[in-house]
Amino acid sequence: MSCNIFGFLVVGLVLLGVDQQAEACSCGPAHPQQAYCQADVVIKGKIIGSKVIAMDNSSDPNAFQWIRYEVQQQKMFKGLEKLERVEYVYTPRAEFVCGMVLHPEEMNEDYILTGTMSTDGKIYINICSFNRPWSQLTSAQQTSLEGRYQAGCQCTVIPCLSLPCGVTADNQCLWTDGILTGNWNGTQSQRFTCSMKDSGLCRWVPVRYNMRREAQ
């Protein structure tokens, strides 16, 4: 199951009443830059509360439920033209549809949140997007959120899922972390962005960052 069809899947589950144990969430590799470029809204914020709700205000305990996280926004990296401030983000309560379900010890922590906006202005997140504690980001990733990822949105990051692999267009960068090391959270993910040069070619570029902050 791909979370690229996240919204359609959720609607289908609500309408069809699919058994919640029928299928587990499965996410394809998502480079932070690609996650940033595909998101409507990207913020840094502290998750300070949560509440289980049914979007249709149904009192039926078997209705499809969501978690509404209350967010204390600290900085908006993308989406200011859509809204000024994010107060809540929504995710399915069920992990089998990629819900980002946080345990009590994971609350009251700063997060980077990348979400999609619905037509009614609600922000939705899931575990397949780039949502993680701010403290887990490298300094290069934190620096890239200030503009490097945005500048690279003309390019497309292509994960190498099996050999042989390669790119098919000038605006693509081949992402090989997973195939080389078995871990998609590798060097290209942590310390590089895919940037377009004056020639129109996209290539990996190392991110300059504060070395002392990285060592802390």
N, C-alpha and C. Protein backbone atom coordinates (compact mmCIF):
# COMPACT_ATOMS: atom_id res chain seq x y z
N MET A 1 0.84 -1.20 0.00
CA MET A 1 0.00 0.00 0.00
C MET A 1 0.87 1.24 0.00
N SER A 2 0.60 2.13 -0.89
CA SER A 2 1.37 3.36 -0.98
C SER A 2 0.62 4.49 -0.31
N CYS A 3 1.35 5.30 0.49
CA CYS A 3 0.70 6.43 1.13
C CYS A 3 0.61 7.62 0.20
N ASN A 4 1.03 7.48 -1.05
CA ASN A 4 0.80 8.54 -2.02
C ASN A 4 -0.68 8.66 -2.34
N ILE A 5 -1.43 7.61 -2.07
CA ILE A 5 -2.87 7.65 -2.27
C ILE A 5 -3.58 7.67 -0.91
N PHE A 6 -2.91 8.30 0.05
CA PHE A 6 -3.37 8.34 1.44
C PHE A 6 -4.80 8.84 1.55
N GLY A 7 -5.10 9.98 0.93
CA GLY A 7 -6.42 10.56 1.06
C GLY A 7 -7.50 9.67 0.48
N PHE A 8 -7.24 9.09 -0.70
CA PHE A 8 -8.22 8.22 -1.32
C PHE A 8 -8.45 6.97 -0.49
N LEU A 9 -7.40 6.46 0.10
CA LEU A 9 -7.51 5.26 0.92
C LEU A 9 -8.39 5.51 2.13
N VAL A 10 -8.18 6.63 2.80
CA VAL A 10 -8.97 6.94 3.99
C VAL A 10 -10.45 7.03 3.64
N VAL A 11 -10.76 7.74 2.55
CA VAL A 11 -12.16 7.86 2.14
C VAL A 11 -12.73 6.49 1.83
N GLY A 12 -11.95 5.66 1.14
CA GLY A 12 -12.43 4.33 0.80
C GLY A 12 -12.71 3.48 2.02
N LEU A 13 -11.85 3.59 3.03
CA LEU A 13 -12.04 2.82 4.25
C LEU A 13 -13.29 3.25 4.98
N VAL A 14 -13.55 4.55 5.01
CA VAL A 14 -14.74 5.05 5.69
C VAL A 14 -15.99 4.56 4.99
N LEU A 15 -15.99 4.60 3.66
CA LEU A 15 -17.18 4.24 2.90
C LEU A 15 -17.43 2.74 2.89
N LEU A 16 -16.35 1.97 2.83
CA LEU A 16 -16.50 0.53 2.67
C LEU A 16 -16.47 -0.22 3.99
N GLY A 17 -16.00 0.43 5.07
CA GLY A 17 -15.96 -0.23 6.36
C GLY A 17 -14.98 -1.39 6.39
N VAL A 18 -13.83 -1.22 5.78
CA VAL A 18 -12.84 -2.28 5.72
C VAL A 18 -12.35 -2.62 7.12
N ASP A 19 -12.15 -3.90 7.40
CA ASP A 19 -11.60 -4.35 8.68
C ASP A 19 -10.26 -3.68 8.93
N GLN A 20 -10.09 -3.09 10.13
CA GLN A 20 -8.90 -2.33 10.44
C GLN A 20 -7.65 -3.21 10.54
N GLN A 21 -7.81 -4.51 10.59
CA GLN A 21 -6.65 -5.39 10.66
C GLN A 21 -6.29 -5.98 9.30
N ALA A 22 -6.98 -5.54 8.24
CA ALA A 22 -6.82 -6.19 6.94
C ALA A 22 -5.47 -5.92 6.31
N GLU A 23 -4.89 -4.77 6.56
CA GLU A 23 -3.66 -4.41 5.86
C GLU A 23 -2.84 -3.46 6.72
N ALA A 24 -1.55 -3.63 6.70
CA ALA A 24 -0.67 -2.76 7.47
C ALA A 24 -0.15 -1.64 6.59
N CYS A 25 0.23 -0.54 7.25
CA CYS A 25 0.78 0.60 6.53
C CYS A 25 2.14 0.25 5.97
N SER A 26 2.40 0.69 4.75
CA SER A 26 3.70 0.50 4.11
C SER A 26 4.07 1.79 3.40
N CYS A 27 5.25 2.31 3.71
CA CYS A 27 5.70 3.58 3.14
C CYS A 27 6.87 3.36 2.19
N GLY A 28 6.84 4.00 1.06
CA GLY A 28 8.00 4.01 0.19
C GLY A 28 9.02 5.00 0.71
N PRO A 29 10.28 4.91 0.25
CA PRO A 29 11.30 5.85 0.71
C PRO A 29 10.97 7.28 0.28
N ALA A 30 11.16 8.23 1.19
CA ALA A 30 10.87 9.64 0.91
C ALA A 30 12.04 10.50 1.38
N HIS A 31 12.79 11.05 0.43
CA HIS A 31 13.88 11.95 0.78
C HIS A 31 13.28 13.22 1.39
N PRO A 32 13.91 13.80 2.43
CA PRO A 32 13.36 15.01 3.06
C PRO A 32 13.04 16.12 2.06
N GLN A 33 13.90 16.29 1.05
CA GLN A 33 13.64 17.35 0.06
C GLN A 33 12.36 17.06 -0.72
N GLN A 34 12.19 15.82 -1.14
CA GLN A 34 10.99 15.47 -1.90
C GLN A 34 9.74 15.61 -1.04
N ALA A 35 9.84 15.21 0.25
CA ALA A 35 8.72 15.36 1.16
C ALA A 35 8.36 16.83 1.34
N TYR A 36 9.37 17.67 1.46
CA TYR A 36 9.15 19.11 1.59
C TYR A 36 8.44 19.64 0.35
N CYS A 37 8.94 19.29 -0.82
CA CYS A 37 8.40 19.85 -2.06
C CYS A 37 6.97 19.39 -2.31
N GLN A 38 6.62 18.19 -1.89
CA GLN A 38 5.28 17.67 -2.12
C GLN A 38 4.27 18.14 -1.08
N ALA A 39 4.75 18.67 0.05
CA ALA A 39 3.85 19.10 1.12
C ALA A 39 3.24 20.47 0.82
N ASP A 40 2.06 20.69 1.36
CA ASP A 40 1.43 22.01 1.28
C ASP A 40 1.96 22.93 2.38
N VAL A 41 2.23 22.33 3.54
CA VAL A 41 2.65 23.10 4.72
C VAL A 41 3.78 22.37 5.41
N VAL A 42 4.83 23.10 5.80
CA VAL A 42 5.94 22.54 6.57
C VAL A 42 6.22 23.48 7.73
N ILE A 43 6.16 22.97 8.94
CA ILE A 43 6.38 23.81 10.12
C ILE A 43 7.28 23.09 11.13
N LYS A 44 7.84 23.89 12.03
CA LYS A 44 8.43 23.36 13.25
C LYS A 44 7.49 23.76 14.37
N GLY A 45 7.11 22.79 15.20
CA GLY A 45 6.19 23.10 16.27
C GLY A 45 6.23 22.06 17.37
N LYS A 46 5.78 22.45 18.54
CA LYS A 46 5.71 21.54 19.68
C LYS A 46 4.30 20.97 19.75
N ILE A 47 4.19 19.66 19.83
CA ILE A 47 2.89 19.01 19.99
C ILE A 47 2.54 19.00 21.47
N ILE A 48 1.52 19.77 21.83
CA ILE A 48 1.23 20.00 23.24
C ILE A 48 -0.04 19.33 23.73
N GLY A 49 -0.75 18.66 22.84
CA GLY A 49 -1.97 17.99 23.25
C GLY A 49 -2.56 17.16 22.14
N SER A 50 -3.45 16.24 22.49
CA SER A 50 -4.09 15.40 21.48
C SER A 50 -5.50 15.07 21.92
N LYS A 51 -6.36 14.82 20.92
CA LYS A 51 -7.75 14.46 21.19
C LYS A 51 -8.24 13.56 20.08
N VAL A 52 -8.92 12.48 20.44
CA VAL A 52 -9.50 11.57 19.46
C VAL A 52 -10.87 12.10 19.06
N ILE A 53 -11.10 12.24 17.76
CA ILE A 53 -12.35 12.81 17.27
C ILE A 53 -12.84 12.01 16.07
N ALA A 54 -14.13 12.18 15.77
CA ALA A 54 -14.72 11.69 14.52
C ALA A 54 -15.03 12.92 13.69
N MET A 55 -14.53 12.97 12.48
CA MET A 55 -14.67 14.17 11.67
C MET A 55 -16.12 14.56 11.42
N ASP A 56 -17.00 13.55 11.37
CA ASP A 56 -18.41 13.85 11.10
C ASP A 56 -19.21 14.06 12.38
N ASN A 57 -18.48 14.19 13.52
CA ASN A 57 -19.12 14.39 14.82
C ASN A 57 -20.06 13.25 15.20
N SER A 58 -19.78 12.07 14.65
CA SER A 58 -20.61 10.91 14.94
C SER A 58 -20.36 10.41 16.36
N SER A 59 -21.41 9.94 17.00
CA SER A 59 -21.28 9.35 18.33
C SER A 59 -21.06 7.84 18.25
N ASP A 60 -21.03 7.30 17.05
CA ASP A 60 -20.82 5.88 16.84
C ASP A 60 -19.39 5.52 17.21
N PRO A 61 -19.18 4.66 18.21
CA PRO A 61 -17.81 4.32 18.63
C PRO A 61 -17.03 3.58 17.55
N ASN A 62 -17.72 3.03 16.54
CA ASN A 62 -17.06 2.32 15.46
C ASN A 62 -16.78 3.21 14.26
N ALA A 63 -17.12 4.49 14.37
CA ALA A 63 -16.87 5.41 13.26
C ALA A 63 -15.37 5.60 13.08
N PHE A 64 -14.97 5.93 11.85
CA PHE A 64 -13.55 6.17 11.58
C PHE A 64 -13.07 7.34 12.42
N GLN A 65 -12.01 7.13 13.20
CA GLN A 65 -11.56 8.14 14.15
C GLN A 65 -10.22 8.73 13.73
N TRP A 66 -10.03 9.96 14.16
CA TRP A 66 -8.81 10.71 13.89
C TRP A 66 -8.22 11.20 15.20
N ILE A 67 -6.92 11.46 15.18
CA ILE A 67 -6.28 12.15 16.30
C ILE A 67 -6.04 13.59 15.87
N ARG A 68 -6.49 14.51 16.69
CA ARG A 68 -6.22 15.93 16.45
C ARG A 68 -5.13 16.36 17.42
N TYR A 69 -3.95 16.67 16.86
CA TYR A 69 -2.85 17.15 17.69
C TYR A 69 -2.89 18.67 17.76
N GLU A 70 -2.78 19.18 18.98
CA GLU A 70 -2.66 20.62 19.15
C GLU A 70 -1.18 21.00 19.02
N VAL A 71 -0.91 22.00 18.20
CA VAL A 71 0.47 22.36 17.87
C VAL A 71 0.76 23.79 18.29
N GLN A 72 1.86 23.97 18.96
CA GLN A 72 2.36 25.30 19.27
C GLN A 72 3.42 25.63 18.23
N GLN A 73 2.99 26.32 17.17
CA GLN A 73 3.88 26.57 16.04
C GLN A 73 5.02 27.49 16.44
N GLN A 74 6.23 27.12 16.02
CA GLN A 74 7.41 27.93 16.28
C GLN A 74 7.93 28.61 15.02
N LYS A 75 7.82 27.91 13.87
CA LYS A 75 8.29 28.49 12.62
C LYS A 75 7.59 27.81 11.46
N MET A 76 7.22 28.58 10.44
CA MET A 76 6.65 28.02 9.24
C MET A 76 7.67 28.12 8.11
N PHE A 77 8.01 26.97 7.53
CA PHE A 77 8.98 26.92 6.44
C PHE A 77 8.31 26.95 5.08
N LYS A 78 7.06 26.51 5.03
CA LYS A 78 6.33 26.48 3.76
C LYS A 78 4.84 26.57 4.05
N GLY A 79 4.13 27.33 3.21
CA GLY A 79 2.67 27.39 3.33
C GLY A 79 2.12 28.70 3.83
N LEU A 80 2.99 29.70 4.00
CA LEU A 80 2.52 30.97 4.56
C LEU A 80 1.49 31.63 3.67
N GLU A 81 1.54 31.34 2.36
CA GLU A 81 0.55 31.93 1.46
C GLU A 81 -0.82 31.27 1.63
N LYS A 82 -0.86 30.11 2.31
CA LYS A 82 -2.11 29.39 2.52
C LYS A 82 -2.75 29.70 3.87
N LEU A 83 -1.93 29.88 4.89
CA LEU A 83 -2.42 30.20 6.22
C LEU A 83 -1.27 30.78 7.04
N GLU A 84 -1.61 31.54 8.08
CA GLU A 84 -0.58 32.19 8.88
C GLU A 84 -0.05 31.29 9.98
N ARG A 85 -0.91 30.46 10.53
CA ARG A 85 -0.50 29.67 11.69
C ARG A 85 -1.25 28.35 11.71
N VAL A 86 -0.53 27.29 12.08
CA VAL A 86 -1.13 25.98 12.25
C VAL A 86 -1.39 25.75 13.74
N GLU A 87 -2.63 25.50 14.09
CA GLU A 87 -2.99 25.24 15.49
C GLU A 87 -3.24 23.75 15.73
N TYR A 88 -3.73 23.05 14.70
CA TYR A 88 -4.02 21.63 14.83
C TYR A 88 -3.57 20.90 13.56
N VAL A 89 -3.14 19.66 13.73
CA VAL A 89 -2.91 18.76 12.61
C VAL A 89 -3.67 17.47 12.89
N TYR A 90 -4.07 16.78 11.83
CA TYR A 90 -4.93 15.60 11.95
C TYR A 90 -4.25 14.40 11.33
N THR A 91 -4.44 13.25 11.97
CA THR A 91 -3.89 12.00 11.46
C THR A 91 -4.85 10.87 11.83
N PRO A 92 -4.95 9.81 11.03
CA PRO A 92 -5.81 8.69 11.41
C PRO A 92 -5.37 8.08 12.74
N ARG A 93 -6.36 7.68 13.53
CA ARG A 93 -6.03 7.02 14.79
C ARG A 93 -5.46 5.62 14.53
N ALA A 94 -5.82 5.05 13.38
CA ALA A 94 -5.38 3.69 13.05
C ALA A 94 -4.01 3.71 12.38
N GLU A 95 -3.08 2.98 12.92
CA GLU A 95 -1.75 2.92 12.34
C GLU A 95 -1.74 2.17 11.01
N PHE A 96 -2.75 1.32 10.77
CA PHE A 96 -2.75 0.53 9.53
C PHE A 96 -2.99 1.40 8.31
N VAL A 97 -3.48 2.63 8.49
CA VAL A 97 -3.57 3.57 7.37
C VAL A 97 -2.57 4.71 7.56
N CYS A 98 -1.45 4.37 8.15
CA CYS A 98 -0.31 5.28 8.27
C CYS A 98 -0.55 6.44 9.23
N GLY A 99 -1.40 6.24 10.21
CA GLY A 99 -1.60 7.28 11.22
C GLY A 99 -0.35 7.49 12.05
N MET A 100 -0.05 8.74 12.35
CA MET A 100 1.11 9.08 13.17
C MET A 100 0.65 9.11 14.63
N VAL A 101 0.68 7.96 15.27
CA VAL A 101 0.16 7.79 16.62
C VAL A 101 1.31 7.95 17.61
N LEU A 102 1.27 9.02 18.40
CA LEU A 102 2.33 9.31 19.36
C LEU A 102 1.95 8.80 20.74
N HIS A 103 2.93 8.25 21.43
CA HIS A 103 2.73 7.81 22.81
C HIS A 103 2.97 8.99 23.75
N PRO A 104 2.49 8.90 25.00
CA PRO A 104 2.61 10.03 25.92
C PRO A 104 4.04 10.56 26.05
N GLU A 105 5.02 9.68 26.05
CA GLU A 105 6.41 10.13 26.21
C GLU A 105 6.94 10.84 24.97
N GLU A 106 6.20 10.77 23.87
CA GLU A 106 6.61 11.44 22.64
C GLU A 106 5.96 12.81 22.47
N MET A 107 5.10 13.17 23.41
CA MET A 107 4.42 14.46 23.36
C MET A 107 5.29 15.55 23.97
N ASN A 108 4.83 16.80 23.83
CA ASN A 108 5.54 17.96 24.37
C ASN A 108 6.99 18.02 23.88
N GLU A 109 7.14 17.72 22.61
CA GLU A 109 8.46 17.74 21.98
C GLU A 109 8.36 18.51 20.66
N ASP A 110 9.45 19.16 20.28
CA ASP A 110 9.49 19.89 19.01
C ASP A 110 9.56 18.90 17.85
N TYR A 111 8.73 19.14 16.82
CA TYR A 111 8.70 18.28 15.65
C TYR A 111 8.81 19.11 14.38
N ILE A 112 9.35 18.49 13.33
CA ILE A 112 9.17 19.01 11.98
C ILE A 112 7.95 18.29 11.43
N LEU A 113 6.98 19.04 10.92
CA LEU A 113 5.73 18.47 10.44
C LEU A 113 5.50 18.90 9.00
N THR A 114 5.32 17.94 8.12
CA THR A 114 4.99 18.23 6.72
C THR A 114 3.60 17.68 6.46
N GLY A 115 2.70 18.53 6.00
CA GLY A 115 1.32 18.11 5.86
C GLY A 115 0.68 18.56 4.57
N THR A 116 -0.49 17.98 4.30
CA THR A 116 -1.31 18.38 3.17
C THR A 116 -2.54 19.10 3.69
N MET A 117 -3.01 20.08 2.93
CA MET A 117 -4.17 20.87 3.34
C MET A 117 -5.41 20.44 2.57
N SER A 118 -6.49 20.22 3.28
CA SER A 118 -7.75 19.88 2.64
C SER A 118 -8.47 21.16 2.22
N THR A 119 -9.57 21.01 1.51
CA THR A 119 -10.31 22.17 1.02
C THR A 119 -10.92 22.99 2.15
N ASP A 120 -11.12 22.37 3.32
CA ASP A 120 -11.67 23.12 4.45
C ASP A 120 -10.57 23.69 5.36
N GLY A 121 -9.31 23.60 4.91
CA GLY A 121 -8.22 24.23 5.65
C GLY A 121 -7.56 23.38 6.70
N LYS A 122 -7.97 22.14 6.88
CA LYS A 122 -7.35 21.26 7.87
C LYS A 122 -6.03 20.71 7.31
N ILE A 123 -5.06 20.52 8.22
CA ILE A 123 -3.74 19.99 7.85
C ILE A 123 -3.65 18.54 8.30
N TYR A 124 -3.33 17.67 7.34
CA TYR A 124 -3.24 16.24 7.62
C TYR A 124 -1.80 15.76 7.51
N ILE A 125 -1.41 14.89 8.44
CA ILE A 125 -0.07 14.31 8.44
C ILE A 125 -0.19 12.79 8.53
N ASN A 126 0.88 12.09 8.17
CA ASN A 126 0.93 10.64 8.32
C ASN A 126 2.39 10.22 8.45
N ILE A 127 2.63 8.99 8.81
CA ILE A 127 3.99 8.55 9.10
C ILE A 127 4.84 8.39 7.84
N CYS A 128 4.21 8.46 6.67
CA CYS A 128 4.99 8.32 5.43
C CYS A 128 5.61 9.64 5.00
N SER A 129 5.19 10.74 5.61
CA SER A 129 5.78 12.04 5.30
C SER A 129 6.96 12.30 6.23
N PHE A 130 7.60 13.46 6.05
CA PHE A 130 8.77 13.79 6.85
C PHE A 130 8.31 14.47 8.14
N ASN A 131 7.89 13.64 9.10
CA ASN A 131 7.44 14.12 10.40
C ASN A 131 8.25 13.40 11.47
N ARG A 132 9.08 14.16 12.16
CA ARG A 132 9.93 13.53 13.18
C ARG A 132 10.39 14.57 14.19
N PRO A 133 10.87 14.12 15.34
CA PRO A 133 11.38 15.07 16.34
C PRO A 133 12.47 15.95 15.75
N TRP A 134 12.42 17.23 16.08
CA TRP A 134 13.41 18.18 15.58
C TRP A 134 14.82 17.77 15.98
N SER A 135 14.95 17.19 17.16
CA SER A 135 16.26 16.80 17.68
C SER A 135 16.90 15.69 16.85
N GLN A 136 16.10 14.97 16.05
CA GLN A 136 16.64 13.88 15.23
C GLN A 136 17.13 14.36 13.87
N LEU A 137 16.87 15.61 13.53
CA LEU A 137 17.34 16.14 12.25
C LEU A 137 18.83 16.49 12.35
N THR A 138 19.56 16.29 11.28
CA THR A 138 20.93 16.75 11.24
C THR A 138 20.95 18.25 11.04
N SER A 139 22.07 18.87 11.32
CA SER A 139 22.20 20.31 11.10
C SER A 139 22.01 20.65 9.63
N ALA A 140 22.46 19.77 8.74
CA ALA A 140 22.28 20.00 7.31
C ALA A 140 20.80 20.00 6.94
N GLN A 141 20.02 19.10 7.52
CA GLN A 141 18.58 19.07 7.26
C GLN A 141 17.90 20.32 7.80
N GLN A 142 18.27 20.73 9.00
CA GLN A 142 17.69 21.95 9.57
C GLN A 142 18.02 23.16 8.71
N THR A 143 19.26 23.24 8.23
CA THR A 143 19.66 24.34 7.36
C THR A 143 18.89 24.30 6.04
N SER A 144 18.69 23.12 5.48
CA SER A 144 18.01 22.98 4.19
C SER A 144 16.55 23.43 4.26
N LEU A 145 15.94 23.32 5.41
CA LEU A 145 14.55 23.77 5.56
C LEU A 145 14.43 25.28 5.42
N GLU A 146 15.55 25.99 5.57
CA GLU A 146 15.54 27.45 5.47
C GLU A 146 15.55 27.93 4.02
N GLY A 147 15.57 27.03 3.05
CA GLY A 147 15.53 27.48 1.66
C GLY A 147 16.15 26.52 0.66
N ARG A 148 17.06 25.67 1.12
CA ARG A 148 17.73 24.76 0.18
C ARG A 148 16.75 23.75 -0.42
N TYR A 149 15.86 23.20 0.40
CA TYR A 149 14.88 22.27 -0.14
C TYR A 149 13.96 22.97 -1.13
N GLN A 150 13.50 24.16 -0.78
CA GLN A 150 12.61 24.91 -1.67
C GLN A 150 13.28 25.18 -3.01
N ALA A 151 14.55 25.57 -2.98
CA ALA A 151 15.28 25.85 -4.21
C ALA A 151 15.45 24.61 -5.07
N GLY A 152 15.39 23.45 -4.46
CA GLY A 152 15.56 22.21 -5.20
C GLY A 152 14.28 21.59 -5.71
N CYS A 153 13.16 22.28 -5.53
CA CYS A 153 11.88 21.70 -5.94
C CYS A 153 11.73 21.60 -7.45
N GLN A 154 12.63 22.22 -8.20
CA GLN A 154 12.64 22.03 -9.65
C GLN A 154 13.16 20.63 -10.01
N CYS A 155 13.83 20.01 -9.06
CA CYS A 155 14.41 18.69 -9.28
C CYS A 155 13.53 17.60 -8.67
N THR A 156 13.76 16.38 -9.07
CA THR A 156 13.04 15.23 -8.54
C THR A 156 14.04 14.20 -8.04
N VAL A 157 13.84 13.73 -6.82
CA VAL A 157 14.70 12.70 -6.23
C VAL A 157 14.12 11.34 -6.57
N ILE A 158 14.93 10.50 -7.22
CA ILE A 158 14.50 9.17 -7.66
C ILE A 158 15.20 8.11 -6.81
N PRO A 159 14.46 7.36 -5.96
CA PRO A 159 15.11 6.32 -5.17
C PRO A 159 15.49 5.13 -6.04
N CYS A 160 16.69 4.63 -5.82
CA CYS A 160 17.14 3.41 -6.50
C CYS A 160 16.65 2.22 -5.68
N LEU A 161 15.64 1.52 -6.19
CA LEU A 161 15.02 0.43 -5.45
C LEU A 161 15.63 -0.93 -5.77
N SER A 162 16.21 -1.05 -6.96
CA SER A 162 16.87 -2.30 -7.34
C SER A 162 17.86 -2.01 -8.46
N LEU A 163 18.87 -2.84 -8.56
CA LEU A 163 19.89 -2.67 -9.59
C LEU A 163 19.54 -3.47 -10.84
N PRO A 164 19.84 -2.93 -12.03
CA PRO A 164 20.43 -1.60 -12.28
C PRO A 164 19.38 -0.50 -12.13
N CYS A 165 19.83 0.71 -11.86
CA CYS A 165 18.92 1.84 -11.74
C CYS A 165 19.60 3.08 -12.29
N GLY A 166 18.82 4.07 -12.60
CA GLY A 166 19.38 5.30 -13.15
C GLY A 166 18.30 6.35 -13.31
N VAL A 167 18.67 7.51 -13.76
CA VAL A 167 17.71 8.60 -13.99
C VAL A 167 17.34 8.63 -15.47
N THR A 168 16.21 9.24 -15.75
CA THR A 168 15.73 9.29 -17.13
C THR A 168 15.56 10.72 -17.62
N ALA A 169 15.88 11.71 -16.77
CA ALA A 169 15.72 13.11 -17.17
C ALA A 169 16.79 13.95 -16.49
N ASP A 170 17.09 15.10 -17.08
CA ASP A 170 18.13 15.98 -16.54
C ASP A 170 17.77 16.53 -15.17
N ASN A 171 16.47 16.60 -14.86
CA ASN A 171 16.06 17.22 -13.59
C ASN A 171 15.92 16.20 -12.46
N GLN A 172 16.59 15.07 -12.58
CA GLN A 172 16.49 14.02 -11.57
C GLN A 172 17.84 13.76 -10.90
N CYS A 173 17.78 13.40 -9.61
CA CYS A 173 18.95 12.93 -8.86
C CYS A 173 18.67 11.51 -8.38
N LEU A 174 19.62 10.62 -8.57
CA LEU A 174 19.45 9.24 -8.15
C LEU A 174 19.81 9.09 -6.68
N TRP A 175 18.88 8.61 -5.88
CA TRP A 175 19.05 8.46 -4.43
C TRP A 175 19.42 7.00 -4.14
N THR A 176 20.64 6.78 -3.70
CA THR A 176 21.17 5.42 -3.56
C THR A 176 21.41 4.97 -2.12
N ASP A 177 21.04 5.78 -1.14
CA ASP A 177 21.28 5.40 0.26
C ASP A 177 20.80 3.99 0.56
N GLY A 178 19.57 3.69 0.19
CA GLY A 178 18.97 2.41 0.56
C GLY A 178 19.61 1.22 -0.11
N ILE A 179 19.93 1.36 -1.39
CA ILE A 179 20.47 0.22 -2.13
C ILE A 179 21.92 -0.06 -1.73
N LEU A 180 22.65 0.98 -1.28
CA LEU A 180 24.06 0.80 -0.93
C LEU A 180 24.24 0.36 0.51
N THR A 181 23.41 0.84 1.41
CA THR A 181 23.59 0.56 2.84
C THR A 181 22.42 -0.14 3.49
N GLY A 182 21.27 -0.20 2.80
CA GLY A 182 20.08 -0.78 3.41
C GLY A 182 19.36 0.18 4.33
N ASN A 183 19.80 1.44 4.36
CA ASN A 183 19.19 2.44 5.23
C ASN A 183 18.95 3.72 4.42
N TRP A 184 17.69 4.08 4.25
CA TRP A 184 17.36 5.27 3.47
C TRP A 184 17.70 6.56 4.22
N ASN A 185 17.95 6.46 5.49
CA ASN A 185 18.35 7.64 6.27
C ASN A 185 19.87 7.74 6.28
N GLY A 186 20.45 7.78 5.07
CA GLY A 186 21.90 7.80 4.94
C GLY A 186 22.43 9.17 4.57
N THR A 187 23.61 9.17 3.97
CA THR A 187 24.33 10.42 3.71
C THR A 187 23.56 11.37 2.79
N GLN A 188 23.00 10.84 1.70
CA GLN A 188 22.27 11.72 0.78
C GLN A 188 21.04 12.31 1.45
N SER A 189 20.42 11.56 2.32
CA SER A 189 19.24 12.04 3.05
C SER A 189 19.62 13.07 4.12
N GLN A 190 20.71 12.81 4.80
CA GLN A 190 21.08 13.61 5.96
C GLN A 190 21.85 14.88 5.61
N ARG A 191 22.64 14.87 4.51
CA ARG A 191 23.60 15.96 4.31
C ARG A 191 23.62 16.55 2.90
N PHE A 192 22.73 16.09 2.01
CA PHE A 192 22.75 16.58 0.63
C PHE A 192 21.36 17.06 0.20
N THR A 193 21.37 17.98 -0.76
CA THR A 193 20.15 18.35 -1.47
C THR A 193 20.38 18.14 -2.96
N CYS A 194 19.30 17.95 -3.68
CA CYS A 194 19.35 17.81 -5.13
C CYS A 194 19.07 19.19 -5.72
N SER A 195 20.05 19.78 -6.38
CA SER A 195 19.95 21.17 -6.84
C SER A 195 20.16 21.26 -8.34
N MET A 196 19.44 22.21 -8.96
CA MET A 196 19.58 22.44 -10.39
C MET A 196 20.65 23.48 -10.64
N LYS A 197 21.58 23.13 -11.52
CA LYS A 197 22.67 24.04 -11.88
C LYS A 197 22.24 24.92 -13.05
N ASP A 198 23.07 25.90 -13.39
CA ASP A 198 22.75 26.81 -14.49
C ASP A 198 22.56 26.07 -15.81
N SER A 199 23.18 24.91 -15.94
CA SER A 199 23.07 24.12 -17.17
C SER A 199 21.72 23.44 -17.31
N GLY A 200 20.93 23.46 -16.22
CA GLY A 200 19.65 22.76 -16.23
C GLY A 200 19.73 21.35 -15.69
N LEU A 201 20.93 20.89 -15.35
CA LEU A 201 21.11 19.56 -14.79
C LEU A 201 20.96 19.61 -13.27
N CYS A 202 20.33 18.58 -12.71
CA CYS A 202 20.23 18.47 -11.26
C CYS A 202 21.29 17.50 -10.76
N ARG A 203 21.91 17.85 -9.63
CA ARG A 203 22.92 16.96 -9.06
C ARG A 203 22.95 17.16 -7.55
N TRP A 204 23.52 16.18 -6.85
CA TRP A 204 23.63 16.25 -5.40
C TRP A 204 24.67 17.29 -5.00
N VAL A 205 24.30 18.10 -4.01
CA VAL A 205 25.19 19.15 -3.51
C VAL A 205 25.24 19.05 -1.98
N PRO A 206 26.43 18.99 -1.40
CA PRO A 206 26.52 18.93 0.06
C PRO A 206 26.06 20.25 0.68
N VAL A 207 25.43 20.15 1.84
CA VAL A 207 24.90 21.33 2.52
C VAL A 207 25.92 21.84 3.52
N ARG A 208 26.22 23.12 3.44
CA ARG A 208 27.10 23.74 4.44
C ARG A 208 26.27 24.04 5.68
N TYR A 209 26.82 23.72 6.84
CA TYR A 209 26.09 23.93 8.08
C TYR A 209 27.08 24.19 9.20
N ASN A 210 26.53 24.52 10.35
CA ASN A 210 27.35 24.83 11.52
C ASN A 210 27.88 23.54 12.13
N MET A 211 29.17 23.29 11.98
CA MET A 211 29.77 22.05 12.47
C MET A 211 29.68 21.93 13.98
N ARG A 212 29.78 23.03 14.69
CA ARG A 212 29.72 22.95 16.15
C ARG A 212 28.34 22.53 16.62
N ARG A 213 27.29 23.00 15.92
CA ARG A 213 25.95 22.60 16.32
C ARG A 213 25.73 21.11 16.08
N GLU A 214 26.31 20.58 14.97
CA GLU A 214 26.18 19.16 14.65
C GLU A 214 26.85 18.32 15.74
N ALA A 215 27.91 18.80 16.33
CA ALA A 215 28.67 18.04 17.32
C ALA A 215 28.00 18.02 18.68
N GLN A 216 27.04 18.91 18.90
CA GLN A 216 26.40 19.00 20.21
C GLN A 216 25.45 17.84 20.45
